[in-house]
C-alpha atoms as a PDB file:
ATOM      1  CA  MET A   1       0.000   0.000   0.000  1.00  0.00           C
ATOM      2  CA  GLN A   2       0.940   3.646  -0.396  1.00  0.00           C
ATOM      3  CA  TRP A   3       0.047   5.953   2.486  1.00  0.00           C
ATOM      4  CA  ALA A   4      -0.107   9.734   2.160  1.00  0.00           C
ATOM      5  CA  ARG A   5      -1.263  12.847   3.978  1.00  0.00           C
ATOM      6  CA  ILE A   6      -3.013  15.774   2.323  1.00  0.00           C
ATOM      7  CA  GLU A   7      -4.693  19.043   3.145  1.00  0.00           C
ATOM      8  CA  HIS A   8      -8.160  19.336   1.640  1.00  0.00           C
ATOM      9  CA  SER A   9     -10.896  21.898   2.331  1.00  0.00           C
ATOM     10  CA  GLY A  10      -9.130  23.028   5.479  1.00  0.00           C
ATOM     11  CA  ARG A  11      -8.683  19.501   6.828  1.00  0.00           C
ATOM     12  CA  SER A  12      -5.529  17.457   7.280  1.00  0.00           C
ATOM     13  CA  LEU A  13      -6.281  13.913   6.148  1.00  0.00           C
ATOM     14  CA  PHE A  14      -4.412  10.663   5.688  1.00  0.00           C
ATOM     15  CA  GLY A  15      -5.180   7.485   3.848  1.00  0.00           C
ATOM     16  CA  ALA A  16      -4.235   4.953   1.197  1.00  0.00           C
ATOM     17  CA  ILE A  17      -3.669   6.008  -2.394  1.00  0.00           C
ATOM     18  CA  ASP A  18      -6.122   4.429  -4.823  1.00  0.00           C
ATOM     19  CA  GLY A  19      -5.342   5.593  -8.356  1.00  0.00           C
ATOM     20  CA  ASP A  20      -5.983   9.339  -8.484  1.00  0.00           C
ATOM     21  CA  ALA A  21      -7.725   9.444  -5.112  1.00  0.00           C
ATOM     22  CA  LEU A  22      -7.007   8.965  -1.432  1.00  0.00           C
ATOM     23  CA  ARG A  23      -9.129   6.552   0.615  1.00  0.00           C
ATOM     24  CA  ILE A  24      -9.372   8.383   3.909  1.00  0.00           C
ATOM     25  CA  HIS A  25      -8.638   6.614   7.194  1.00  0.00           C
ATOM     26  CA  SER A  26      -9.023   7.634  10.832  1.00  0.00           C
ATOM     27  CA  GLY A  27      -6.967   6.854  13.893  1.00  0.00           C
ATOM     28  CA  ASP A  28      -3.216   6.286  13.746  1.00  0.00           C
ATOM     29  CA  MET A  29      -1.507   5.443  10.450  1.00  0.00           C
ATOM     30  CA  PHE A  30       0.932   3.212  12.312  1.00  0.00           C
ATOM     31  CA  ARG A  31      -1.621   1.444  14.533  1.00  0.00           C
ATOM     32  CA  ASP A  32      -4.531  -0.192  12.724  1.00  0.00           C
ATOM     33  CA  PRO A  33      -5.958   2.798  10.830  1.00  0.00           C
ATOM     34  CA  VAL A  34      -9.675   2.531  10.101  1.00  0.00           C
ATOM     35  CA  PRO A  35     -11.144   3.354   6.663  1.00  0.00           C
ATOM     36  CA  THR A  36     -13.863   6.010   6.896  1.00  0.00           C
ATOM     37  CA  GLY A  37     -15.430   5.290   3.505  1.00  0.00           C
ATOM     38  CA  GLU A  38     -14.592   8.807   2.290  1.00  0.00           C
ATOM     39  CA  THR A  39     -12.552   9.284  -0.883  1.00  0.00           C
ATOM     40  CA  VAL A  40     -10.825  12.528  -1.865  1.00  0.00           C
ATOM     41  CA  ALA A  41      -9.348  13.360  -5.278  1.00  0.00           C
ATOM     42  CA  LEU A  42      -5.609  13.990  -5.048  1.00  0.00           C
ATOM     43  CA  ALA A  43      -5.828  16.578  -7.813  1.00  0.00           C
ATOM     44  CA  GLY A  44      -7.739  18.918  -5.548  1.00  0.00           C
ATOM     45  CA  ALA A  45      -5.493  18.564  -2.535  1.00  0.00           C
ATOM     46  CA  ALA A  46      -2.216  19.968  -1.223  1.00  0.00           C
ATOM     47  CA  TRP A  47       0.367  17.337  -0.335  1.00  0.00           C
ATOM     48  CA  LEU A  48       1.739  17.150   3.191  1.00  0.00           C
ATOM     49  CA  THR A  49       4.762  15.151   4.277  1.00  0.00           C
ATOM     50  CA  PRO A  50       3.481  11.556   4.557  1.00  0.00           C
ATOM     51  CA  CYS A  51       4.395  11.468   8.250  1.00  0.00           C
ATOM     52  CA  ALA A  52       5.533  13.972  10.879  1.00  0.00           C
ATOM     53  CA  PRO A  53       8.873  12.671  12.180  1.00  0.00           C
ATOM     54  CA  GLY A  54      10.010  13.431  15.679  1.00  0.00           C
ATOM     55  CA  LYS A  55      13.475  13.260  14.148  1.00  0.00           C
ATOM     56  CA  MET A  56      14.976  12.843  10.717  1.00  0.00           C
ATOM     57  CA  LEU A  57      18.373  11.163  10.616  1.00  0.00           C
ATOM     58  CA  ALA A  58      20.424  11.020   7.432  1.00  0.00           C
ATOM     59  CA  LEU A  59      23.421   8.923   6.435  1.00  0.00           C
ATOM     60  CA  TRP A  60      26.731  10.046   4.988  1.00  0.00           C
ATOM     61  CA  ASN A  61      29.036   7.688   3.034  1.00  0.00           C
ATOM     62  CA  ASN A  62      26.649   4.751   2.885  1.00  0.00           C
ATOM     63  CA  PHE A  63      27.096   3.657  -0.752  1.00  0.00           C
ATOM     64  CA  ARG A  64      30.063   1.678  -1.979  1.00  0.00           C
ATOM     65  CA  ALA A  65      30.208   3.238  -5.465  1.00  0.00           C
ATOM     66  CA  ALA A  66      30.420   6.760  -4.044  1.00  0.00           C
ATOM     67  CA  ALA A  67      32.967   5.735  -1.417  1.00  0.00           C
ATOM     68  CA  GLU A  68      35.173   4.147  -4.066  1.00  0.00           C
ATOM     69  CA  ARG A  69      34.885   7.096  -6.496  1.00  0.00           C
ATOM     70  CA  ASN A  70      35.671   9.673  -3.795  1.00  0.00           C
ATOM     71  CA  GLY A  71      38.423   7.709  -2.100  1.00  0.00           C
ATOM     72  CA  TRP A  72      36.519   7.364   1.166  1.00  0.00           C
ATOM     73  CA  GLY A  73      37.084   4.337   3.352  1.00  0.00           C
ATOM     74  CA  VAL A  74      34.200   2.042   4.202  1.00  0.00           C
ATOM     75  CA  PRO A  75      32.929   3.194   7.625  1.00  0.00           C
ATOM     76  CA  LYS A  76      32.839   0.732  10.509  1.00  0.00           C
ATOM     77  CA  GLU A  77      29.567   2.148  11.799  1.00  0.00           C
ATOM     78  CA  PRO A  78      26.821   4.381  10.360  1.00  0.00           C
ATOM     79  CA  LEU A  79      27.819   8.027   9.972  1.00  0.00           C
ATOM     80  CA  TYR A  80      24.720  10.172  10.373  1.00  0.00           C
ATOM     81  CA  PHE A  81      23.443  13.645  11.193  1.00  0.00           C
ATOM     82  CA  VAL A  82      20.111  15.215  12.129  1.00  0.00           C
ATOM     83  CA  LYS A  83      17.882  17.325   9.896  1.00  0.00           C
ATOM     84  CA  THR A  84      15.759  19.665  12.006  1.00  0.00           C
ATOM     85  CA  ASP A  85      11.965  19.767  11.801  1.00  0.00           C
ATOM     86  CA  ASN A  86      11.866  23.245  10.217  1.00  0.00           C
ATOM     87  CA  SER A  87      13.502  21.628   7.172  1.00  0.00           C
ATOM     88  CA  TYR A  88      10.651  19.148   6.572  1.00  0.00           C
ATOM     89  CA  ASN A  89       9.118  19.751   3.169  1.00  0.00           C
ATOM     90  CA  ALA A  90       6.510  17.931   1.113  1.00  0.00           C
ATOM     91  CA  HIS A  91       5.984  16.846  -2.485  1.00  0.00           C
ATOM     92  CA  ALA A  92       5.083  19.672  -4.904  1.00  0.00           C
ATOM     93  CA  ARG A  93       6.204  22.374  -2.467  1.00  0.00           C
ATOM     94  CA  ILE A  94       8.897  24.990  -3.100  1.00  0.00           C
ATOM     95  CA  ILE A  95      12.408  24.446  -1.722  1.00  0.00           C
ATOM     96  CA  PRO A  96      13.301  28.019  -0.715  1.00  0.00           C
ATOM     97  CA  VAL A  97      16.649  29.586  -1.533  1.00  0.00           C
ATOM     98  CA  PRO A  98      18.379  30.372   1.805  1.00  0.00           C
ATOM     99  CA  ARG A  99      18.349  34.001   2.894  1.00  0.00           C
ATOM    100  CA  SER A 100      21.665  33.881   4.778  1.00  0.00           C
ATOM    101  CA  TYR A 101      23.771  31.775   2.399  1.00  0.00           C
ATOM    102  CA  ASP A 102      24.697  32.348  -1.239  1.00  0.00           C
ATOM    103  CA  GLY A 103      26.965  29.361  -1.918  1.00  0.00           C
ATOM    104  CA  ARG A 104      26.301  26.090  -3.708  1.00  0.00           C
ATOM    105  CA  VAL A 105      23.188  24.092  -2.790  1.00  0.00           C
ATOM    106  CA  VAL A 106      23.155  20.413  -3.738  1.00  0.00           C
ATOM    107  CA  TYR A 107      20.274  17.943  -4.274  1.00  0.00           C
ATOM    108  CA  GLU A 108      20.680  14.370  -3.019  1.00  0.00           C
ATOM    109  CA  GLY A 109      18.125  11.766  -4.088  1.00  0.00           C
ATOM    110  CA  GLU A 110      17.749   9.059  -1.458  1.00  0.00           C
ATOM    111  CA  LEU A 111      15.639   6.229  -0.110  1.00  0.00           C
ATOM    112  CA  GLY A 112      13.995   6.936   3.252  1.00  0.00           C
ATOM    113  CA  ILE A 113      13.046   4.452   5.975  1.00  0.00           C
ATOM    114  CA  VAL A 114       9.913   5.254   7.993  1.00  0.00           C
ATOM    115  CA  ILE A 115       9.797   3.742  11.468  1.00  0.00           C
ATOM    116  CA  GLY A 116       6.502   2.090  12.422  1.00  0.00           C
ATOM    117  CA  LYS A 117       6.950   1.316  16.112  1.00  0.00           C
ATOM    118  CA  THR A 118       9.316   2.067  18.948  1.00  0.00           C
ATOM    119  CA  ALA A 119      12.810   0.658  18.411  1.00  0.00           C
ATOM    120  CA  ALA A 120      15.229   0.781  21.336  1.00  0.00           C
ATOM    121  CA  ALA A 121      18.382  -1.346  21.149  1.00  0.00           C
ATOM    122  CA  VAL A 122      16.705  -3.807  18.785  1.00  0.00           C
ATOM    123  CA  SER A 123      18.594  -6.654  17.163  1.00  0.00           C
ATOM    124  CA  ALA A 124      19.138  -6.825  13.422  1.00  0.00           C
ATOM    125  CA  ALA A 125      16.669  -9.714  13.320  1.00  0.00           C
ATOM    126  CA  ASP A 126      13.948  -7.650  15.008  1.00  0.00           C
ATOM    127  CA  ALA A 127      14.671  -4.359  13.234  1.00  0.00           C
ATOM    128  CA  SER A 128      12.694  -5.203  10.091  1.00  0.00           C
ATOM    129  CA  GLY A 129       9.551  -5.452  12.211  1.00  0.00           C
ATOM    130  CA  CYS A 130      10.076  -1.843  13.319  1.00  0.00           C
ATOM    131  CA  ILE A 131      10.022  -0.527   9.741  1.00  0.00           C
ATOM    132  CA  PHE A 132       6.647   0.706   8.504  1.00  0.00           C
ATOM    133  CA  GLY A 133       7.683   1.466   4.936  1.00  0.00           C
ATOM    134  CA  TYR A 134       9.795   3.537   2.573  1.00  0.00           C
ATOM    135  CA  THR A 135       9.643   6.968   0.960  1.00  0.00           C
ATOM    136  CA  CYS A 136      11.594   9.217  -1.428  1.00  0.00           C
ATOM    137  CA  VAL A 137      13.944  11.814   0.068  1.00  0.00           C
ATOM    138  CA  ASN A 138      15.772  14.861  -1.271  1.00  0.00           C
ATOM    139  CA  ASP A 139      18.441  15.657   1.330  1.00  0.00           C
ATOM    140  CA  VAL A 140      19.206  19.237   0.240  1.00  0.00           C
ATOM    141  CA  THR A 141      22.595  20.565   1.408  1.00  0.00           C
ATOM    142  CA  ALA A 142      24.311  23.946   1.580  1.00  0.00           C
ATOM    143  CA  VAL A 143      27.486  22.093   0.748  1.00  0.00           C
ATOM    144  CA  GLU A 144      30.073  24.847   1.280  1.00  0.00           C
ATOM    145  CA  LEU A 145      29.120  25.232   4.934  1.00  0.00           C
ATOM    146  CA  THR A 146      30.313  21.802   5.997  1.00  0.00           C
ATOM    147  CA  ALA A 147      33.963  22.860   5.677  1.00  0.00           C
ATOM    148  CA  ARG A 148      33.769  26.657   5.879  1.00  0.00           C
ATOM    149  CA  ASP A 149      35.105  26.757   9.451  1.00  0.00           C
ATOM    150  CA  PRO A 150      38.261  24.616   9.783  1.00  0.00           C
ATOM    151  CA  VAL A 151      37.603  23.756  13.425  1.00  0.00           C
ATOM    152  CA  PHE A 152      33.836  23.093  13.318  1.00  0.00           C
ATOM    153  CA  PRO A 153      32.115  21.282  10.420  1.00  0.00           C
ATOM    154  CA  GLN A 154      28.639  22.851  10.170  1.00  0.00           C
ATOM    155  CA  TRP A 155      26.526  19.805   9.324  1.00  0.00           C
ATOM    156  CA  THR A 156      23.445  20.984  11.215  1.00  0.00           C
ATOM    157  CA  ARG A 157      23.377  24.369   9.487  1.00  0.00           C
ATOM    158  CA  ALA A 158      24.241  22.955   6.059  1.00  0.00           C
ATOM    159  CA  LYS A 159      21.412  20.430   6.245  1.00  0.00           C
ATOM    160  CA  GLY A 160      18.874  22.363   8.295  1.00  0.00           C
ATOM    161  CA  PHE A 161      17.745  25.382   6.268  1.00  0.00           C
ATOM    162  CA  ASP A 162      13.993  25.812   5.914  1.00  0.00           C
ATOM    163  CA  GLY A 163      12.625  23.314   3.393  1.00  0.00           C
ATOM    164  CA  PHE A 164      15.857  21.322   2.993  1.00  0.00           C
ATOM    165  CA  GLY A 165      14.435  18.017   4.281  1.00  0.00           C
ATOM    166  CA  VAL A 166      12.117  16.997   1.462  1.00  0.00           C
ATOM    167  CA  PHE A 167      10.296  13.639   1.511  1.00  0.00           C
ATOM    168  CA  GLY A 168       7.221  11.965   0.068  1.00  0.00           C
ATOM    169  CA  PRO A 169       4.921  11.869  -1.757  1.00  0.00           C
ATOM    170  CA  CYS A 170       3.899   8.728   0.120  1.00  0.00           C
ATOM    171  CA  ILE A 171       5.100   5.842   2.262  1.00  0.00           C
ATOM    172  CA  ALA A 172       5.083   2.499   0.467  1.00  0.00           C
ATOM    173  CA  THR A 173       4.647  -0.646   2.550  1.00  0.00           C
ATOM    174  CA  GLY A 174       5.232  -4.290   1.692  1.00  0.00           C
ATOM    175  CA  ILE A 175       8.174  -3.688  -0.661  1.00  0.00           C
ATOM    176  CA  ASP A 176      11.712  -5.073  -0.694  1.00  0.00           C
ATOM    177  CA  PRO A 177      14.016  -2.054  -0.314  1.00  0.00           C
ATOM    178  CA  LEU A 178      17.034  -3.836  -1.757  1.00  0.00           C
ATOM    179  CA  ARG A 179      15.279  -4.302  -5.102  1.00  0.00           C
ATOM    180  CA  LEU A 180      14.717  -0.560  -5.508  1.00  0.00           C
ATOM    181  CA  VAL A 181      16.565   1.871  -7.769  1.00  0.00           C
ATOM    182  CA  ILE A 182      16.855   5.548  -6.851  1.00  0.00           C
ATOM    183  CA  ARG A 183      16.737   8.012  -9.753  1.00  0.00           C
ATOM    184  CA  THR A 184      17.071  11.797  -9.630  1.00  0.00           C
ATOM    185  CA  VAL A 185      15.907  13.808 -12.638  1.00  0.00           C
ATOM    186  CA  VAL A 186      16.931  17.469 -12.789  1.00  0.00           C
ATOM    187  CA  ASN A 187      15.101  19.731 -15.257  1.00  0.00           C
ATOM    188  CA  GLY A 188      14.144  16.622 -17.224  1.00  0.00           C
ATOM    189  CA  ARG A 189      17.664  15.143 -17.315  1.00  0.00           C
ATOM    190  CA  GLU A 190      18.555  12.070 -15.297  1.00  0.00           C
ATOM    191  CA  ARG A 191      21.471  12.805 -12.945  1.00  0.00           C
ATOM    192  CA  GLN A 192      21.349   9.918 -10.483  1.00  0.00           C
ATOM    193  CA  ASN A 193      20.536   6.252 -11.056  1.00  0.00           C
ATOM    194  CA  TYR A 194      21.805   3.816  -8.459  1.00  0.00           C
ATOM    195  CA  PRO A 195      20.639   0.583  -6.778  1.00  0.00           C
ATOM    196  CA  ALA A 196      19.667   0.462  -3.128  1.00  0.00           C
ATOM    197  CA  ASP A 197      21.504  -2.832  -2.709  1.00  0.00           C
ATOM    198  CA  ASP A 198      24.816  -0.955  -3.024  1.00  0.00           C
ATOM    199  CA  MET A 199      24.304   0.309   0.548  1.00  0.00           C
ATOM    200  CA  ILE A 200      27.054  -0.348   3.052  1.00  0.00           C
ATOM    201  CA  PHE A 201      24.571  -0.447   5.943  1.00  0.00           C
ATOM    202  CA  ARG A 202      21.211  -1.765   4.784  1.00  0.00           C
ATOM    203  CA  PRO A 203      17.822  -0.698   6.184  1.00  0.00           C
ATOM    204  CA  ALA A 204      17.344  -3.274   8.948  1.00  0.00           C
ATOM    205  CA  GLU A 205      20.981  -2.942   9.977  1.00  0.00           C
ATOM    206  CA  LEU A 206      20.669   0.845  10.072  1.00  0.00           C
ATOM    207  CA  VAL A 207      17.608   0.663  12.295  1.00  0.00           C
ATOM    208  CA  SER A 208      19.299  -1.803  14.623  1.00  0.00           C
ATOM    209  CA  LEU A 209      22.564   0.119  14.924  1.00  0.00           C
ATOM    210  CA  ILE A 210      21.000   3.558  15.305  1.00  0.00           C
ATOM    211  CA  SER A 211      18.568   2.211  17.890  1.00  0.00           C
ATOM    212  CA  GLN A 212      21.557   1.314  20.067  1.00  0.00           C
ATOM    213  CA  ASP A 213      22.304   5.069  20.244  1.00  0.00           C
ATOM    214  CA  MET A 214      18.823   6.554  20.470  1.00  0.00           C
ATOM    215  CA  THR A 215      15.261   5.320  20.674  1.00  0.00           C
ATOM    216  CA  LEU A 216      13.379   5.503  17.382  1.00  0.00           C
ATOM    217  CA  HIS A 217       9.646   6.186  17.417  1.00  0.00           C
ATOM    218  CA  ALA A 218       6.814   5.637  14.954  1.00  0.00           C
ATOM    219  CA  GLY A 219       7.051   8.250  12.215  1.00  0.00           C
ATOM    220  CA  ASP A 220      10.773   8.874  12.574  1.00  0.00           C
ATOM    221  CA  LEU A 221      12.634   8.946   9.275  1.00  0.00           C
ATOM    222  CA  ILE A 222      16.086   7.646   8.309  1.00  0.00           C
ATOM    223  CA  ALA A 223      17.482   8.820   4.960  1.00  0.00           C
ATOM    224  CA  CYS A 224      19.800   6.086   3.701  1.00  0.00           C
ATOM    225  CA  GLY A 225      22.380   8.363   2.051  1.00  0.00           C
ATOM    226  CA  THR A 226      23.062   9.100  -1.585  1.00  0.00           C
ATOM    227  CA  SER A 227      25.407   7.820  -4.275  1.00  0.00           C
ATOM    228  CA  LEU A 228      27.028   9.290  -7.362  1.00  0.00           C
ATOM    229  CA  GLY A 229      25.518  12.206  -9.279  1.00  0.00           C
ATOM    230  CA  ALA A 230      24.590  14.699  -6.541  1.00  0.00           C
ATOM    231  CA  MET A 231      25.270  18.165  -7.956  1.00  0.00           C
ATOM    232  CA  PRO A 232      24.577  21.861  -7.273  1.00  0.00           C
ATOM    233  CA  MET A 233      21.315  23.388  -8.440  1.00  0.00           C
ATOM    234  CA  ARG A 234      20.335  26.908  -9.388  1.00  0.00           C
ATOM    235  CA  PRO A 235      17.123  28.754  -8.535  1.00  0.00           C
ATOM    236  CA  GLY A 236      14.423  27.622 -10.944  1.00  0.00           C
ATOM    237  CA  THR A 237      15.634  24.007 -10.959  1.00  0.00           C
ATOM    238  CA  VAL A 238      12.998  21.261 -10.822  1.00  0.00           C
ATOM    239  CA  ILE A 239      14.162  18.118  -9.018  1.00  0.00           C
ATOM    240  CA  GLU A 240      12.378  14.767  -9.176  1.00  0.00           C
ATOM    241  CA  VAL A 241      13.412  11.838  -6.986  1.00  0.00           C
ATOM    242  CA  ALA A 242      11.805   8.751  -8.505  1.00  0.00           C
ATOM    243  CA  ILE A 243      11.676   5.260  -6.989  1.00  0.00           C
ATOM    244  CA  ASP A 244       9.500   2.655  -8.706  1.00  0.00           C
ATOM    245  CA  GLY A 245       7.041   1.217  -6.217  1.00  0.00           C
ATOM    246  CA  ILE A 246       7.023   4.434  -4.184  1.00  0.00           C
ATOM    247  CA  GLY A 247       6.493   7.313  -6.597  1.00  0.00           C
ATOM    248  CA  VAL A 248       8.005  10.611  -7.713  1.00  0.00           C
ATOM    249  CA  LEU A 249       8.950  13.382  -5.288  1.00  0.00           C
ATOM    250  CA  ARG A 250       8.887  16.610  -7.308  1.00  0.00           C
ATOM    251  CA  ASN A 251       9.923  20.080  -6.125  1.00  0.00           C
ATOM    252  CA  GLU A 252      11.242  23.339  -7.500  1.00  0.00           C
ATOM    253  CA  TYR A 253      14.154  25.182  -5.917  1.00  0.00           C
ATOM    254  CA  ARG A 254      13.495  28.932  -5.894  1.00  0.00           C
END
């Protein structure tokens, strides 16, 4: 199934995508949601992020092809940072140009893991049961900030501008993440095309290892990292992160 949230006629709704419509549900998306019988056309709605994470964690150097090309060693444990909640941004929304930074801004098409239930120090064997589903992510980065100060890499600032944590349009359940291919299309031209099974730390392993550090809750999001092809974008650029089985996350940077 594909779960989404929308705003329609002043209401925030969630449900399962059925063609060009959303079958509305009540209750908790992660705990036995109940169909209401109402159907709303997606064409008349504004997309919201498909969940509201308490935290969004994102991986760095998690794909072997990128590590090899850039001369990075294979990490012994997941390397991750936090994207703050002001950065959360939905499908079809504008990614705003930062007001306080005029350097290069890079798109990064990624696969996202959505947590479905509390995970605290879970084993690798149990971690899969804590995953609700998967979504598309654009981990936007003000790339020059990470190394601007030689004594303090500014990961939080570089990743945390308003609108820089884009994900959606939906959460797909019941799919095998390692069979997925992540594509990023920029102004109609494909710039990224890489397989999820090239990950160094795979989804269940990521959930298990991160849960040793911090408790994960339903709705939390882990972006699995990106591979080759991430590049700067100019104002007016349209970015589409496409993953078959999930959908297309489309935004304009301006």
